[in-house]
Amino acid sequence: MGFGVFKRSSEKDPNEYIIKYATFACNRAQKSASKSRNSLNPRPTTKTYCGAKIIVVLGADKKYHVSKVFLAHNHPFSPSKGRFYRLYRVINRHVKRQLEIHQRVELKVGEDSRCRAAYEEFGDVVTFDTTYLTNEYEMPMAPFVRVNYHGKSILLSCGVISNEDVRTFTWLFQTWLSCMSGRAPNAIITDQDQAMKNAIEIVFPEARHMWCL
């Protein structure tokens, strides 16, 4: 939303050395302290006593639970400047590894997000076809495609499957639905494959299933 956060306070269990509770607050929660070395070149303050915060507590099940939430900020947000906040300056090892893999195969960061954005805009009717492409291992390419306002095809996502049975199609549709934030299409167009028809009835029961010409 355009604001940074920091761990404002926490308490550890002296016996188990684990955190019992913690408070995460907006980075504008405190008051800026004046420093003598900044007297000749003062910087604009970013602290506004903002009260937005969440409090998490360790429960009896050894899991953390959100106990209190305060979402009211007293300052405007700056989403475009979010990447400059201190908490985003460090990349953990897992994310760094993923970025290295994407760079190696020349996959641009954000392609998944663009597909989701396209689906949000043009996802009312989707076509699905497994005869588009077959590779040397005879595993059919399964693209989900939509047509935009200019009559151009948009690739929403795709998969490579080793079978064309009900179980495989059900898994693929469920995985695709999860990637698209659980939003099912209003209608889906396929060929007259019975296994595909059965899988659509399982995963997209409310969608209108139409056959292509």
Protein backbone atom coordinates (compact mmCIF):
# COMPACT_ATOMS: atom_id res chain seq x y z
CA MET A 1 0.00 0.00 0.00
CA GLY A 2 3.00 2.29 0.20
CA PHE A 3 4.37 2.33 3.73
CA GLY A 4 7.19 0.57 5.54
CA VAL A 5 6.97 -1.52 8.70
CA PHE A 6 9.32 -2.41 11.53
CA LYS A 7 9.28 -4.56 14.65
CA ARG A 8 8.50 -2.03 17.35
CA SER A 9 8.68 -4.31 20.37
CA SER A 10 8.85 -7.96 21.35
CA GLU A 11 9.36 -10.18 24.38
CA LYS A 12 11.12 -13.52 24.63
CA ASP A 13 10.35 -16.41 26.95
CA PRO A 14 13.43 -16.62 29.23
CA ASN A 15 13.09 -20.39 29.52
CA GLU A 16 12.49 -21.38 25.90
CA TYR A 17 14.25 -18.41 24.23
CA ILE A 18 11.40 -17.90 21.79
CA ILE A 19 9.42 -14.74 21.11
CA LYS A 20 6.16 -14.65 23.09
CA TYR A 21 4.68 -11.64 21.34
CA ALA A 22 5.71 -8.91 18.92
CA THR A 23 4.33 -5.62 17.66
CA PHE A 24 4.84 -4.60 14.04
CA ALA A 25 4.16 -0.94 13.37
CA CYS A 26 4.15 1.56 10.53
CA ASN A 27 7.57 3.10 9.99
CA ARG A 28 6.07 6.54 10.73
CA ALA A 29 4.97 5.52 14.21
CA GLN A 30 7.67 7.26 16.22
CA LYS A 31 8.93 10.80 16.56
CA SER A 32 12.13 11.82 14.80
CA ALA A 33 14.92 12.67 17.24
CA SER A 34 16.91 15.82 16.48
CA LYS A 35 20.63 15.32 16.07
CA SER A 36 23.26 18.01 16.37
CA ARG A 37 25.11 16.87 13.25
CA ASN A 38 22.00 17.54 11.18
CA SER A 39 21.48 21.09 12.42
CA LEU A 40 23.11 22.66 9.37
CA ASN A 41 21.49 20.28 6.91
CA PRO A 42 18.17 19.24 8.40
CA ARG A 43 16.21 16.50 6.69
CA PRO A 44 12.41 16.53 6.45
CA THR A 45 10.86 14.36 9.14
CA THR A 46 8.89 11.28 8.13
CA LYS A 47 7.59 10.40 11.60
CA THR A 48 3.97 11.30 12.30
CA TYR A 49 3.07 9.27 15.41
CA CYS A 50 1.16 6.92 13.14
CA GLY A 51 -0.81 4.37 15.17
CA ALA A 52 -1.15 1.64 12.55
CA LYS A 53 0.16 -1.67 13.90
CA ILE A 54 -0.53 -5.35 14.44
CA ILE A 55 0.23 -7.46 17.50
CA VAL A 56 0.99 -11.19 17.27
CA VAL A 57 1.02 -13.57 20.22
CA LEU A 58 2.41 -17.09 20.54
CA GLY A 59 -0.48 -19.43 21.35
CA ALA A 60 -0.64 -22.72 23.21
CA ASP A 61 -0.40 -24.51 19.85
CA LYS A 62 3.07 -22.97 19.36
CA LYS A 63 1.78 -20.88 16.44
CA TYR A 64 1.60 -17.12 16.22
CA HIS A 65 -1.85 -15.53 16.11
CA VAL A 66 -2.79 -11.94 15.31
CA SER A 67 -4.39 -10.57 18.47
CA LYS A 68 -4.91 -6.89 17.58
CA VAL A 69 -5.02 -4.91 14.35
CA PHE A 70 -4.98 -1.12 13.93
CA LEU A 71 -5.21 -0.11 10.28
CA ALA A 72 -5.78 3.67 10.58
CA HIS A 73 -2.83 5.67 9.21
CA ASN A 74 -2.50 9.42 9.67
CA HIS A 75 -0.43 10.08 6.54
CA PRO A 76 -0.71 9.52 2.77
CA PHE A 77 0.71 6.39 1.11
CA SER A 78 3.42 6.23 -1.54
CA PRO A 79 3.11 2.90 -3.40
CA SER A 80 5.54 3.98 -6.13
CA LYS A 81 8.27 4.52 -3.53
CA GLY A 82 7.75 1.24 -1.71
CA ARG A 83 10.85 -0.38 -3.20
CA PHE A 84 13.05 2.22 -1.48
CA TYR A 85 12.01 1.28 2.06
CA ARG A 86 14.68 -0.22 4.27
CA LEU A 87 12.90 -3.54 4.75
CA TYR A 88 13.12 -4.24 1.00
CA ARG A 89 16.87 -3.61 0.72
CA VAL A 90 17.77 -7.14 1.79
CA ILE A 91 16.87 -10.16 -0.37
CA ASN A 92 16.69 -13.50 1.40
CA ARG A 93 18.47 -16.51 -0.05
CA HIS A 94 15.34 -18.15 -1.43
CA VAL A 95 14.26 -15.07 -3.41
CA LYS A 96 17.82 -14.47 -4.60
CA ARG A 97 18.03 -18.04 -5.86
CA GLN A 98 14.74 -17.68 -7.75
CA LEU A 99 15.93 -14.45 -9.37
CA GLU A 100 19.16 -16.16 -10.47
CA ILE A 101 17.19 -19.02 -12.04
CA HIS A 102 14.87 -16.60 -13.83
CA GLN A 103 17.82 -14.62 -15.16
CA ARG A 104 19.52 -17.79 -16.42
CA VAL A 105 16.49 -18.81 -18.49
CA GLU A 106 15.81 -15.18 -19.47
CA LEU A 107 12.45 -15.08 -17.72
CA LYS A 108 11.41 -11.52 -16.97
CA VAL A 109 10.21 -10.79 -13.47
CA GLY A 110 6.53 -9.93 -13.49
CA GLU A 111 5.37 -12.25 -16.36
CA ASP A 112 3.13 -14.17 -13.92
CA SER A 113 1.69 -10.91 -12.59
CA ARG A 114 0.97 -9.70 -16.15
CA CYS A 115 -0.92 -12.90 -16.91
CA ARG A 116 -3.04 -12.41 -13.79
CA ALA A 117 -3.73 -8.81 -14.75
CA ALA A 118 -4.80 -9.91 -18.24
CA TYR A 119 -7.09 -12.54 -16.74
CA GLU A 120 -8.69 -9.95 -14.47
CA GLU A 121 -9.44 -7.84 -17.54
CA PHE A 122 -10.29 -10.52 -20.13
CA GLY A 123 -11.04 -13.63 -18.07
CA ASP A 124 -14.78 -13.93 -18.58
CA VAL A 125 -14.37 -16.41 -21.45
CA VAL A 126 -11.31 -18.67 -21.77
CA THR A 127 -10.30 -21.18 -24.42
CA PHE A 128 -8.36 -24.31 -23.52
CA ASP A 129 -6.76 -26.62 -26.08
CA THR A 130 -4.20 -29.45 -25.79
CA THR A 131 -3.56 -29.86 -29.53
CA TYR A 132 -1.67 -26.60 -29.96
CA LEU A 133 1.83 -28.05 -29.69
CA THR A 134 3.45 -31.41 -29.03
CA ASN A 135 7.13 -31.69 -28.15
CA GLU A 136 9.56 -34.54 -28.71
CA TYR A 137 8.38 -36.31 -25.56
CA GLU A 138 4.79 -36.28 -26.86
CA MET A 139 3.56 -34.25 -23.91
CA PRO A 140 0.83 -31.90 -25.13
CA MET A 141 1.04 -28.19 -24.52
CA ALA A 142 -2.05 -26.92 -22.70
CA PRO A 143 -2.55 -23.14 -23.09
CA PHE A 144 -5.26 -21.00 -21.53
CA VAL A 145 -6.01 -18.23 -24.04
CA ARG A 146 -8.26 -15.17 -24.15
CA VAL A 147 -8.99 -12.62 -26.88
CA ASN A 148 -8.67 -8.94 -25.99
CA TYR A 149 -10.63 -5.95 -27.25
CA HIS A 150 -8.43 -5.74 -30.36
CA GLY A 151 -9.05 -9.32 -31.44
CA LYS A 152 -5.58 -10.47 -30.40
CA SER A 153 -4.97 -13.70 -28.51
CA ILE A 154 -3.57 -13.34 -24.99
CA LEU A 155 -1.75 -16.24 -23.35
CA LEU A 156 -3.02 -16.35 -19.78
CA SER A 157 -0.98 -19.39 -18.74
CA CYS A 158 0.04 -22.81 -19.95
CA GLY A 159 1.09 -26.24 -18.78
CA VAL A 160 2.78 -29.34 -20.13
CA ILE A 161 0.90 -32.54 -19.26
CA SER A 162 1.80 -36.20 -19.76
CA ASN A 163 -1.79 -37.52 -19.89
CA GLU A 164 -5.18 -36.40 -21.10
CA ASP A 165 -7.36 -38.14 -18.53
CA VAL A 166 -9.80 -36.76 -15.95
CA ARG A 167 -7.27 -36.86 -13.13
CA THR A 168 -4.65 -34.89 -15.07
CA PHE A 169 -7.10 -32.26 -16.31
CA THR A 170 -8.57 -31.89 -12.81
CA TRP A 171 -5.11 -31.29 -11.36
CA LEU A 172 -4.24 -28.79 -14.09
CA PHE A 173 -7.49 -26.85 -13.72
CA GLN A 174 -7.18 -26.74 -9.93
CA THR A 175 -3.57 -25.54 -10.14
CA TRP A 176 -4.49 -22.89 -12.70
CA LEU A 177 -7.44 -21.73 -10.59
CA SER A 178 -5.14 -21.38 -7.58
CA CYS A 179 -2.71 -19.25 -9.63
CA MET A 180 -5.59 -17.01 -10.69
CA SER A 181 -6.59 -16.26 -7.07
CA GLY A 182 -9.48 -18.73 -7.12
CA ARG A 183 -11.50 -16.83 -9.75
CA ALA A 184 -13.14 -19.24 -12.18
CA PRO A 185 -14.04 -18.15 -15.73
CA ASN A 186 -17.68 -17.51 -16.64
CA ALA A 187 -17.29 -19.70 -19.70
CA ILE A 188 -14.66 -22.05 -21.10
CA ILE A 189 -14.33 -23.25 -24.70
CA THR A 190 -12.70 -26.65 -25.43
CA ASP A 191 -12.88 -29.49 -27.93
CA GLN A 192 -15.26 -32.39 -27.42
CA ASP A 193 -12.98 -34.40 -25.13
CA GLN A 194 -15.01 -36.30 -22.53
CA ALA A 195 -12.22 -36.35 -19.91
CA MET A 196 -11.86 -32.60 -20.24
CA LYS A 197 -15.63 -32.19 -19.91
CA ASN A 198 -15.69 -34.24 -16.69
CA ALA A 199 -12.79 -32.28 -15.18
CA ILE A 200 -14.48 -28.96 -15.97
CA GLU A 201 -17.63 -30.13 -14.18
CA ILE A 202 -15.50 -30.89 -11.11
CA VAL A 203 -13.35 -27.74 -10.98
CA PHE A 204 -15.56 -25.16 -12.77
CA PRO A 205 -19.11 -26.29 -11.93
CA GLU A 206 -20.58 -22.80 -12.43
CA ALA A 207 -18.81 -22.08 -15.73
CA ARG A 208 -20.61 -22.48 -19.04
CA HIS A 209 -18.80 -25.14 -21.07
CA MET A 210 -18.89 -24.64 -24.84
CA TRP A 211 -17.37 -26.69 -27.66
CA CYS A 212 -15.23 -25.06 -30.33
CA LEU A 213 -16.06 -25.47 -34.01
